[in-house]
PDB file of all heavy atoms in Angstrom:
ATOM      1  N   ARG A   1       0.838  -1.265   0.014  1.00  0.00           N
ATOM      2  CA  ARG A   1      -0.014   0.022   0.026  1.00  0.00           C
ATOM      3  C   ARG A   1       0.876   1.286  -0.034  1.00  0.00           C
ATOM      4  O   ARG A   1       0.378   2.335   0.253  1.00  0.00           O
ATOM      5  CB  ARG A   1      -0.942   0.032   1.189  1.00  0.00           C
ATOM      6  CG  ARG A   1      -1.842  -1.155   1.288  1.00  0.00           C
ATOM      7  CD  ARG A   1      -3.085  -0.942   0.346  1.00  0.00           C
ATOM      8  NE  ARG A   1      -4.048  -1.977   0.576  1.00  0.00           N
ATOM      9  CZ  ARG A   1      -4.176  -3.109  -0.122  1.00  0.00           C
ATOM     10  NH1 ARG A   1      -3.346  -3.322  -1.138  1.00  0.00           N
ATOM     11  NH2 ARG A   1      -5.134  -3.920   0.107  1.00  0.00           N
ATOM     12  N   SER A   2       2.154   1.148  -0.235  1.00  0.00           N
ATOM     13  CA  SER A   2       3.019   2.268  -0.267  1.00  0.00           C
ATOM     14  C   SER A   2       2.576   3.248  -1.372  1.00  0.00           C
ATOM     15  O   SER A   2       2.151   2.886  -2.436  1.00  0.00           O
ATOM     16  CB  SER A   2       4.465   1.876  -0.530  1.00  0.00           C
ATOM     17  OG  SER A   2       5.008   1.226   0.591  1.00  0.00           O
ATOM     18  N   CYS A   3       2.784   4.540  -1.096  1.00  0.00           N
ATOM     19  CA  CYS A   3       2.327   5.632  -2.001  1.00  0.00           C
ATOM     20  C   CYS A   3       3.231   5.565  -3.258  1.00  0.00           C
ATOM     21  O   CYS A   3       4.437   5.639  -3.178  1.00  0.00           O
ATOM     22  CB  CYS A   3       2.505   6.905  -1.260  1.00  0.00           C
ATOM     23  SG  CYS A   3       2.130   8.363  -2.370  1.00  0.00           S
ATOM     24  N   LEU A   4       2.561   5.456  -4.382  1.00  0.00           N
ATOM     25  CA  LEU A   4       3.293   5.474  -5.677  1.00  0.00           C
ATOM     26  C   LEU A   4       3.890   6.850  -5.972  1.00  0.00           C
ATOM     27  O   LEU A   4       4.860   6.913  -6.729  1.00  0.00           O
ATOM     28  CB  LEU A   4       2.371   5.016  -6.846  1.00  0.00           C
ATOM     29  CG  LEU A   4       1.786   3.616  -6.695  1.00  0.00           C
ATOM     30  CD1 LEU A   4       0.774   3.393  -7.849  1.00  0.00           C
ATOM     31  CD2 LEU A   4       2.875   2.580  -6.766  1.00  0.00           C
ATOM     32  N   GLY A   5       3.341   7.850  -5.356  1.00  0.00           N
ATOM     33  CA  GLY A   5       3.800   9.237  -5.664  1.00  0.00           C
ATOM     34  C   GLY A   5       4.856   9.711  -4.675  1.00  0.00           C
ATOM     35  O   GLY A   5       5.157  10.938  -4.694  1.00  0.00           O
ATOM     36  N   LYS A   6       5.467   8.855  -3.897  1.00  0.00           N
ATOM     37  CA  LYS A   6       6.397   9.249  -2.856  1.00  0.00           C
ATOM     38  C   LYS A   6       7.610  10.073  -3.533  1.00  0.00           C
ATOM     39  O   LYS A   6       7.916  11.151  -3.018  1.00  0.00           O
ATOM     40  CB  LYS A   6       6.954   8.052  -2.089  1.00  0.00           C
ATOM     41  CG  LYS A   6       8.040   8.401  -1.086  1.00  0.00           C
ATOM     42  CD  LYS A   6       8.444   7.192  -0.395  1.00  0.00           C
ATOM     43  CE  LYS A   6       9.660   7.514   0.604  1.00  0.00           C
ATOM     44  NZ  LYS A   6      10.166   6.343   1.247  1.00  0.00           N
ATOM     45  N   ASN A   7       8.214   9.534  -4.551  1.00  0.00           N
ATOM     46  CA  ASN A   7       9.340  10.184  -5.123  1.00  0.00           C
ATOM     47  C   ASN A   7       9.020  11.501  -5.754  1.00  0.00           C
ATOM     48  O   ASN A   7       9.694  12.492  -5.560  1.00  0.00           O
ATOM     49  CB  ASN A   7      10.081   9.267  -6.151  1.00  0.00           C
ATOM     50  CG  ASN A   7      10.647   8.074  -5.496  1.00  0.00           C
ATOM     51  OD1 ASN A   7      11.045   8.080  -4.322  1.00  0.00           O
ATOM     52  ND2 ASN A   7      10.848   7.022  -6.192  1.00  0.00           N
ATOM     53  N   ILE A   8       7.916  11.621  -6.511  1.00  0.00           N
ATOM     54  CA  ILE A   8       7.518  12.859  -7.079  1.00  0.00           C
ATOM     55  C   ILE A   8       7.122  13.844  -6.009  1.00  0.00           C
ATOM     56  O   ILE A   8       7.325  15.089  -6.203  1.00  0.00           O
ATOM     57  CB  ILE A   8       6.418  12.656  -8.153  1.00  0.00           C
ATOM     58  CG1 ILE A   8       6.249  13.889  -8.994  1.00  0.00           C
ATOM     59  CG2 ILE A   8       5.017  12.356  -7.499  1.00  0.00           C
ATOM     60  CD1 ILE A   8       7.316  14.127 -10.018  1.00  0.00           C
ATOM     61  N   SER A   9       6.588  13.387  -4.892  1.00  0.00           N
ATOM     62  CA  SER A   9       6.228  14.251  -3.784  1.00  0.00           C
ATOM     63  C   SER A   9       7.516  14.943  -3.237  1.00  0.00           C
ATOM     64  O   SER A   9       7.458  16.142  -2.942  1.00  0.00           O
ATOM     65  CB  SER A   9       5.559  13.506  -2.652  1.00  0.00           C
ATOM     66  OG  SER A   9       4.374  13.025  -3.052  1.00  0.00           O
ATOM     67  N   PHE A  10       8.614  14.160  -3.094  1.00  0.00           N
ATOM     68  CA  PHE A  10       9.816  14.732  -2.589  1.00  0.00           C
ATOM     69  C   PHE A  10      10.401  15.743  -3.638  1.00  0.00           C
ATOM     70  O   PHE A  10      10.923  16.816  -3.225  1.00  0.00           O
ATOM     71  CB  PHE A  10      10.875  13.629  -2.262  1.00  0.00           C
ATOM     72  CG  PHE A  10      10.773  13.117  -0.869  1.00  0.00           C
ATOM     73  CD1 PHE A  10      10.161  11.911  -0.671  1.00  0.00           C
ATOM     74  CD2 PHE A  10      11.118  13.852   0.209  1.00  0.00           C
ATOM     75  CE1 PHE A  10      10.043  11.387   0.610  1.00  0.00           C
ATOM     76  CE2 PHE A  10      11.034  13.401   1.457  1.00  0.00           C
ATOM     77  CZ  PHE A  10      10.482  12.074   1.705  1.00  0.00           C
ATOM     78  N   ILE A  11      10.274  15.467  -4.867  1.00  0.00           N
ATOM     79  CA  ILE A  11      10.733  16.427  -5.981  1.00  0.00           C
ATOM     80  C   ILE A  11       9.968  17.715  -5.766  1.00  0.00           C
ATOM     81  O   ILE A  11      10.509  18.771  -5.801  1.00  0.00           O
ATOM     82  CB  ILE A  11      10.632  15.777  -7.356  1.00  0.00           C
ATOM     83  CG1 ILE A  11      11.616  14.664  -7.546  1.00  0.00           C
ATOM     84  CG2 ILE A  11      10.780  16.851  -8.393  1.00  0.00           C
ATOM     85  CD1 ILE A  11      11.375  13.783  -8.765  1.00  0.00           C
ATOM     86  N   GLN A  12       8.667  17.594  -5.700  1.00  0.00           N
ATOM     87  CA  GLN A  12       7.807  18.796  -5.536  1.00  0.00           C
ATOM     88  C   GLN A  12       8.120  19.582  -4.310  1.00  0.00           C
ATOM     89  O   GLN A  12       8.182  20.819  -4.327  1.00  0.00           O
ATOM     90  CB  GLN A  12       6.342  18.431  -5.604  1.00  0.00           C
ATOM     91  CG  GLN A  12       5.870  17.953  -6.958  1.00  0.00           C
ATOM     92  CD  GLN A  12       4.474  17.461  -6.990  1.00  0.00           C
ATOM     93  OE1 GLN A  12       3.909  17.035  -6.013  1.00  0.00           O
ATOM     94  NE2 GLN A  12       3.821  17.612  -8.142  1.00  0.00           N
ATOM     95  N   MET A  13       8.292  18.869  -3.146  1.00  0.00           N
ATOM     96  CA  MET A  13       8.531  19.565  -1.910  1.00  0.00           C
ATOM     97  C   MET A  13       9.887  20.280  -1.972  1.00  0.00           C
ATOM     98  O   MET A  13      10.058  21.461  -1.509  1.00  0.00           O
ATOM     99  CB  MET A  13       8.555  18.603  -0.722  1.00  0.00           C
ATOM    100  CG  MET A  13       7.194  18.055  -0.314  1.00  0.00           C
ATOM    101  SD  MET A  13       7.178  17.034   1.174  1.00  0.00           S
ATOM    102  CE  MET A  13       7.953  15.521   0.582  1.00  0.00           C
ATOM    103  N   LYS A  14      10.879  19.645  -2.615  1.00  0.00           N
ATOM    104  CA  LYS A  14      12.173  20.287  -2.764  1.00  0.00           C
ATOM    105  C   LYS A  14      12.105  21.524  -3.692  1.00  0.00           C
ATOM    106  O   LYS A  14      12.744  22.535  -3.403  1.00  0.00           O
ATOM    107  CB  LYS A  14      13.207  19.299  -3.316  1.00  0.00           C
ATOM    108  CG  LYS A  14      13.589  18.252  -2.314  1.00  0.00           C
ATOM    109  CD  LYS A  14      14.531  17.191  -2.853  1.00  0.00           C
ATOM    110  CE  LYS A  14      14.801  16.165  -1.894  1.00  0.00           C
ATOM    111  NZ  LYS A  14      15.678  14.987  -2.403  1.00  0.00           N
ATOM    112  N   MET A  15      11.383  21.378  -4.755  1.00  0.00           N
ATOM    113  CA  MET A  15      11.205  22.534  -5.661  1.00  0.00           C
ATOM    114  C   MET A  15      10.501  23.696  -4.980  1.00  0.00           C
ATOM    115  O   MET A  15      10.938  24.906  -5.151  1.00  0.00           O
ATOM    116  CB  MET A  15      10.400  22.103  -6.889  1.00  0.00           C
ATOM    117  CG  MET A  15      11.159  21.185  -7.848  1.00  0.00           C
ATOM    118  SD  MET A  15      10.138  20.429  -9.121  1.00  0.00           S
ATOM    119  CE  MET A  15       9.669  21.882 -10.030  1.00  0.00           C
ATOM    120  N   VAL A  16       9.505  23.449  -4.171  1.00  0.00           N
ATOM    121  CA  VAL A  16       8.852  24.583  -3.461  1.00  0.00           C
ATOM    122  C   VAL A  16       9.757  25.148  -2.477  1.00  0.00           C
ATOM    123  O   VAL A  16       9.862  26.416  -2.309  1.00  0.00           O
ATOM    124  CB  VAL A  16       7.521  23.973  -2.807  1.00  0.00           C
ATOM    125  CG1 VAL A  16       6.951  25.043  -1.834  1.00  0.00           C
ATOM    126  CG2 VAL A  16       6.482  23.700  -3.837  1.00  0.00           C
ATOM    127  N   ALA A  17      10.465  24.299  -1.747  1.00  0.00           N
ATOM    128  CA  ALA A  17      11.453  24.823  -0.740  1.00  0.00           C
ATOM    129  C   ALA A  17      12.491  25.679  -1.372  1.00  0.00           C
ATOM    130  O   ALA A  17      12.871  26.799  -0.834  1.00  0.00           O
ATOM    131  CB  ALA A  17      12.084  23.700   0.049  1.00  0.00           C
ATOM    132  N   ILE A  18      13.024  25.270  -2.499  1.00  0.00           N
ATOM    133  CA  ILE A  18      14.039  26.062  -3.218  1.00  0.00           C
ATOM    134  C   ILE A  18      13.474  27.362  -3.641  1.00  0.00           C
ATOM    135  O   ILE A  18      14.078  28.434  -3.466  1.00  0.00           O
ATOM    136  CB  ILE A  18      14.608  25.205  -4.451  1.00  0.00           C
ATOM    137  CG1 ILE A  18      15.327  24.028  -3.991  1.00  0.00           C
ATOM    138  CG2 ILE A  18      15.480  26.134  -5.300  1.00  0.00           C
ATOM    139  CD1 ILE A  18      15.665  23.082  -5.152  1.00  0.00           C
ATOM    140  N   ALA A  19      12.273  27.375  -4.302  1.00  0.00           N
ATOM    141  CA  ALA A  19      11.652  28.607  -4.723  1.00  0.00           C
ATOM    142  C   ALA A  19      11.422  29.583  -3.657  1.00  0.00           C
ATOM    143  O   ALA A  19      11.687  30.753  -3.813  1.00  0.00           O
ATOM    144  CB  ALA A  19      10.298  28.244  -5.448  1.00  0.00           C
ATOM    145  N   LEU A  20      10.961  29.130  -2.483  1.00  0.00           N
ATOM    146  CA  LEU A  20      10.736  29.983  -1.352  1.00  0.00           C
ATOM    147  C   LEU A  20      12.015  30.458  -0.663  1.00  0.00           C
ATOM    148  O   LEU A  20      12.132  31.651  -0.391  1.00  0.00           O
ATOM    149  CB  LEU A  20       9.805  29.343  -0.283  1.00  0.00           C
ATOM    150  CG  LEU A  20       8.418  29.075  -0.741  1.00  0.00           C
ATOM    151  CD1 LEU A  20       7.644  28.227   0.243  1.00  0.00           C
ATOM    152  CD2 LEU A  20       7.622  30.344  -0.988  1.00  0.00           C
ATOM    153  N   LEU A  21      12.905  29.553  -0.383  1.00  0.00           N
ATOM    154  CA  LEU A  21      14.141  29.909   0.326  1.00  0.00           C
ATOM    155  C   LEU A  21      15.105  30.713  -0.462  1.00  0.00           C
ATOM    156  O   LEU A  21      15.878  31.476   0.071  1.00  0.00           O
ATOM    157  CB  LEU A  21      14.803  28.671   0.890  1.00  0.00           C
ATOM    158  CG  LEU A  21      13.908  27.948   1.949  1.00  0.00           C
ATOM    159  CD1 LEU A  21      14.560  26.619   2.305  1.00  0.00           C
ATOM    160  CD2 LEU A  21      13.712  28.850   3.133  1.00  0.00           C
ATOM    161  N   ARG A  22      15.066  30.575  -1.798  1.00  0.00           N
ATOM    162  CA  ARG A  22      15.936  31.399  -2.640  1.00  0.00           C
ATOM    163  C   ARG A  22      15.498  32.876  -2.722  1.00  0.00           C
ATOM    164  O   ARG A  22      16.229  33.735  -2.947  1.00  0.00           O
ATOM    165  CB  ARG A  22      15.938  30.869  -4.073  1.00  0.00           C
ATOM    166  CG  ARG A  22      16.871  29.725  -4.325  1.00  0.00           C
ATOM    167  CD  ARG A  22      16.714  29.230  -5.751  1.00  0.00           C
ATOM    168  NE  ARG A  22      17.026  30.310  -6.700  1.00  0.00           N
ATOM    169  CZ  ARG A  22      18.029  30.291  -7.551  1.00  0.00           C
ATOM    170  NH1 ARG A  22      18.866  29.290  -7.584  1.00  0.00           N
ATOM    171  NH2 ARG A  22      18.264  31.294  -8.358  1.00  0.00           N
ATOM    172  N   ASN A  23      14.191  33.096  -2.560  1.00  0.00           N
ATOM    173  CA  ASN A  23      13.619  34.405  -2.796  1.00  0.00           C
ATOM    174  C   ASN A  23      13.187  35.144  -1.541  1.00  0.00           C
ATOM    175  O   ASN A  23      12.879  36.328  -1.605  1.00  0.00           O
ATOM    176  CB  ASN A  23      12.379  34.254  -3.697  1.00  0.00           C
ATOM    177  CG  ASN A  23      12.892  33.788  -5.073  1.00  0.00           C
ATOM    178  OD1 ASN A  23      13.655  34.454  -5.736  1.00  0.00           O
ATOM    179  ND2 ASN A  23      12.378  32.609  -5.550  1.00  0.00           N
ATOM    180  N   PHE A  24      13.020  34.452  -0.394  1.00  0.00           N
ATOM    181  CA  PHE A  24      12.441  35.117   0.787  1.00  0.00           C
ATOM    182  C   PHE A  24      13.221  34.633   2.067  1.00  0.00           C
ATOM    183  O   PHE A  24      13.861  33.600   2.128  1.00  0.00           O
ATOM    184  CB  PHE A  24      11.014  34.733   1.004  1.00  0.00           C
ATOM    185  CG  PHE A  24      10.127  35.069  -0.121  1.00  0.00           C
ATOM    186  CD1 PHE A  24       9.765  34.136  -1.095  1.00  0.00           C
ATOM    187  CD2 PHE A  24       9.624  36.366  -0.334  1.00  0.00           C
ATOM    188  CE1 PHE A  24       8.981  34.435  -2.174  1.00  0.00           C
ATOM    189  CE2 PHE A  24       8.930  36.699  -1.360  1.00  0.00           C
ATOM    190  CZ  PHE A  24       8.517  35.725  -2.328  1.00  0.00           C
ATOM    191  N   GLN A  25      13.254  35.536   3.022  1.00  0.00           N
ATOM    192  CA  GLN A  25      13.708  35.194   4.366  1.00  0.00           C
ATOM    193  C   GLN A  25      12.525  35.142   5.284  1.00  0.00           C
ATOM    194  O   GLN A  25      11.725  36.108   5.293  1.00  0.00           O
ATOM    195  CB  GLN A  25      14.704  36.145   4.876  1.00  0.00           C
ATOM    196  CG  GLN A  25      15.972  36.117   4.108  1.00  0.00           C
ATOM    197  CD  GLN A  25      16.984  37.224   4.669  1.00  0.00           C
ATOM    198  OE1 GLN A  25      16.673  38.052   5.524  1.00  0.00           O
ATOM    199  NE2 GLN A  25      18.205  37.159   4.212  1.00  0.00           N
ATOM    200  N   PHE A  26      12.347  34.098   6.021  1.00  0.00           N
ATOM    201  CA  PHE A  26      11.145  33.978   6.885  1.00  0.00           C
ATOM    202  C   PHE A  26      11.604  34.098   8.375  1.00  0.00           C
ATOM    203  O   PHE A  26      12.703  33.520   8.793  1.00  0.00           O
ATOM    204  CB  PHE A  26      10.531  32.517   6.694  1.00  0.00           C
ATOM    205  CG  PHE A  26       9.991  32.389   5.340  1.00  0.00           C
ATOM    206  CD1 PHE A  26      10.731  31.855   4.300  1.00  0.00           C
ATOM    207  CD2 PHE A  26       8.670  32.765   5.039  1.00  0.00           C
ATOM    208  CE1 PHE A  26      10.229  31.603   3.010  1.00  0.00           C
ATOM    209  CE2 PHE A  26       8.146  32.634   3.754  1.00  0.00           C
ATOM    210  CZ  PHE A  26       8.886  32.027   2.744  1.00  0.00           C
ATOM    211  N   GLU A  27      10.769  34.653   9.188  1.00  0.00           N
ATOM    212  CA  GLU A  27      10.945  34.703  10.584  1.00  0.00           C
ATOM    213  C   GLU A  27       9.580  34.527  11.219  1.00  0.00           C
ATOM    214  O   GLU A  27       8.672  35.294  10.893  1.00  0.00           O
ATOM    215  CB  GLU A  27      11.504  36.058  10.953  1.00  0.00           C
ATOM    216  CG  GLU A  27      11.934  36.145  12.490  1.00  0.00           C
ATOM    217  CD  GLU A  27      12.567  37.491  12.791  1.00  0.00           C
ATOM    218  OE1 GLU A  27      13.218  38.061  11.961  1.00  0.00           O
ATOM    219  OE2 GLU A  27      12.320  37.975  13.927  1.00  0.00           O
ATOM    220  N   VAL A  28       9.477  33.542  12.168  1.00  0.00           N
ATOM    221  CA  VAL A  28       8.248  33.326  12.790  1.00  0.00           C
ATOM    222  C   VAL A  28       7.934  34.580  13.758  1.00  0.00           C
ATOM    223  O   VAL A  28       8.830  35.083  14.384  1.00  0.00           O
ATOM    224  CB  VAL A  28       8.169  32.101  13.679  1.00  0.00           C
ATOM    225  CG1 VAL A  28       6.908  31.879  14.435  1.00  0.00           C
ATOM    226  CG2 VAL A  28       8.474  30.900  12.776  1.00  0.00           C
ATOM    227  N   VAL A  29       6.716  35.021  13.725  1.00  0.00           N
ATOM    228  CA  VAL A  29       6.336  36.258  14.494  1.00  0.00           C
ATOM    229  C   VAL A  29       6.540  35.917  15.928  1.00  0.00           C
ATOM    230  O   VAL A  29       6.160  34.796  16.435  1.00  0.00           O
ATOM    231  CB  VAL A  29       4.834  36.636  14.187  1.00  0.00           C
ATOM    232  CG1 VAL A  29       4.311  37.709  15.132  1.00  0.00           C
ATOM    233  CG2 VAL A  29       4.671  37.030  12.792  1.00  0.00           C
ATOM    234  N   GLU A  30       7.163  36.829  16.705  1.00  0.00           N
ATOM    235  CA  GLU A  30       7.445  36.648  18.070  1.00  0.00           C
ATOM    236  C   GLU A  30       6.213  36.415  18.865  1.00  0.00           C
ATOM    237  O   GLU A  30       5.152  37.047  18.716  1.00  0.00           O
ATOM    238  CB  GLU A  30       8.128  37.888  18.608  1.00  0.00           C
ATOM    239  CG  GLU A  30       8.766  37.739  20.034  1.00  0.00           C
ATOM    240  CD  GLU A  30       9.530  38.892  20.475  1.00  0.00           C
ATOM    241  OE1 GLU A  30      10.117  39.580  19.644  1.00  0.00           O
ATOM    242  OE2 GLU A  30       9.553  39.160  21.688  1.00  0.00           O
ATOM    243  N   GLY A  31       6.245  35.387  19.689  1.00  0.00           N
ATOM    244  CA  GLY A  31       5.093  35.054  20.519  1.00  0.00           C
ATOM    245  C   GLY A  31       4.070  34.129  19.862  1.00  0.00           C
ATOM    246  O   GLY A  31       3.198  33.656  20.546  1.00  0.00           O
ATOM    247  N   HIS A  32       4.324  33.805  18.560  1.00  0.00           N
ATOM    248  CA  HIS A  32       3.361  32.918  17.839  1.00  0.00           C
ATOM    249  C   HIS A  32       3.632  31.481  18.252  1.00  0.00           C
ATOM    250  O   HIS A  32       4.831  31.033  18.149  1.00  0.00           O
ATOM    251  CB  HIS A  32       3.517  33.084  16.342  1.00  0.00           C
ATOM    252  CG  HIS A  32       2.665  32.154  15.565  1.00  0.00           C
ATOM    253  ND1 HIS A  32       1.279  32.144  15.641  1.00  0.00           N
ATOM    254  CD2 HIS A  32       2.916  31.191  14.641  1.00  0.00           C
ATOM    255  CE1 HIS A  32       0.824  31.170  14.798  1.00  0.00           C
ATOM    256  NE2 HIS A  32       1.798  30.600  14.258  1.00  0.00           N
ATOM    257  N   ASN A  33       2.602  30.776  18.632  1.00  0.00           N
ATOM    258  CA  ASN A  33       2.776  29.420  19.023  1.00  0.00           C
ATOM    259  C   ASN A  33       2.243  28.471  17.942  1.00  0.00           C
ATOM    260  O   ASN A  33       1.066  28.537  17.564  1.00  0.00           O
ATOM    261  CB  ASN A  33       1.994  29.110  20.351  1.00  0.00           C
ATOM    262  CG  ASN A  33       2.152  27.717  20.916  1.00  0.00           C
ATOM    263  OD1 ASN A  33       3.151  27.081  20.539  1.00  0.00           O
ATOM    264  ND2 ASN A  33       1.224  27.271  21.681  1.00  0.00           N
ATOM    265  N   VAL A  34       3.073  27.665  17.369  1.00  0.00           N
ATOM    266  CA  VAL A  34       2.694  26.698  16.441  1.00  0.00           C
ATOM    267  C   VAL A  34       2.186  25.402  17.129  1.00  0.00           C
ATOM    268  O   VAL A  34       2.953  24.773  17.784  1.00  0.00           O
ATOM    269  CB  VAL A  34       3.837  26.363  15.426  1.00  0.00           C
ATOM    270  CG1 VAL A  34       3.377  25.333  14.363  1.00  0.00           C
ATOM    271  CG2 VAL A  34       4.301  27.717  14.718  1.00  0.00           C
ATOM    272  N   SER A  35       0.964  25.053  16.919  1.00  0.00           N
ATOM    273  CA  SER A  35       0.449  23.824  17.446  1.00  0.00           C
ATOM    274  C   SER A  35      -0.466  23.089  16.496  1.00  0.00           C
ATOM    275  O   SER A  35      -1.142  23.753  15.664  1.00  0.00           O
ATOM    276  CB  SER A  35      -0.297  24.084  18.743  1.00  0.00           C
ATOM    277  OG  SER A  35      -1.318  25.014  18.572  1.00  0.00           O
ATOM    278  N   PRO A  36      -0.394  21.786  16.460  1.00  0.00           N
ATOM    279  CA  PRO A  36      -1.173  21.069  15.476  1.00  0.00           C
ATOM    280  C   PRO A  36      -2.698  20.977  15.815  1.00  0.00           C
ATOM    281  O   PRO A  36      -3.111  21.116  16.980  1.00  0.00           O
ATOM    282  CB  PRO A  36      -0.597  19.646  15.549  1.00  0.00           C
ATOM    283  CG  PRO A  36      -0.086  19.467  16.897  1.00  0.00           C
ATOM    284  CD  PRO A  36       0.387  20.928  17.296  1.00  0.00           C
ATOM    285  N   CYS A  37      -3.408  20.941  14.770  1.00  0.00           N
ATOM    286  CA  CYS A  37      -4.877  20.821  14.883  1.00  0.00           C
ATOM    287  C   CYS A  37      -5.198  19.448  14.307  1.00  0.00           C
ATOM    288  O   CYS A  37      -5.103  19.311  13.124  1.00  0.00           O
ATOM    289  CB  CYS A  37      -5.639  21.903  14.195  1.00  0.00           C
ATOM    290  SG  CYS A  37      -7.461  21.757  14.329  1.00  0.00           S
ATOM    291  N   ILE A  38      -5.474  18.396  15.171  1.00  0.00           N
ATOM    292  CA  ILE A  38      -5.651  17.053  14.683  1.00  0.00           C
ATOM    293  C   ILE A  38      -7.059  17.025  14.023  1.00  0.00           C
ATOM    294  O   ILE A  38      -8.055  17.334  14.569  1.00  0.00           O
ATOM    295  CB  ILE A  38      -5.632  16.130  15.846  1.00  0.00           C
ATOM    296  CG1 ILE A  38      -4.268  16.233  16.584  1.00  0.00           C
ATOM    297  CG2 ILE A  38      -5.754  14.656  15.305  1.00  0.00           C
ATOM    298  CD1 ILE A  38      -3.062  15.662  16.012  1.00  0.00           C
ATOM    299  N   SER A  39      -7.006  16.518  12.762  1.00  0.00           N
ATOM    300  CA  SER A  39      -8.242  16.297  11.955  1.00  0.00           C
ATOM    301  C   SER A  39      -7.891  15.180  10.984  1.00  0.00           C
ATOM    302  O   SER A  39      -6.851  14.556  11.105  1.00  0.00           O
ATOM    303  CB  SER A  39      -8.684  17.574  11.370  1.00  0.00           C
ATOM    304  OG  SER A  39      -7.816  18.003  10.330  1.00  0.00           O
TER     305      SER A  39
END
């Protein structure tokens, strides 16, 4: 039942990361708490 799209998913995630990190600098807003919402 392994995902057939695993490899292409990694390619896409890397492409998005490259596009964002090459063009922007990110800083989490001070005091912002990141917490998961389980659904």
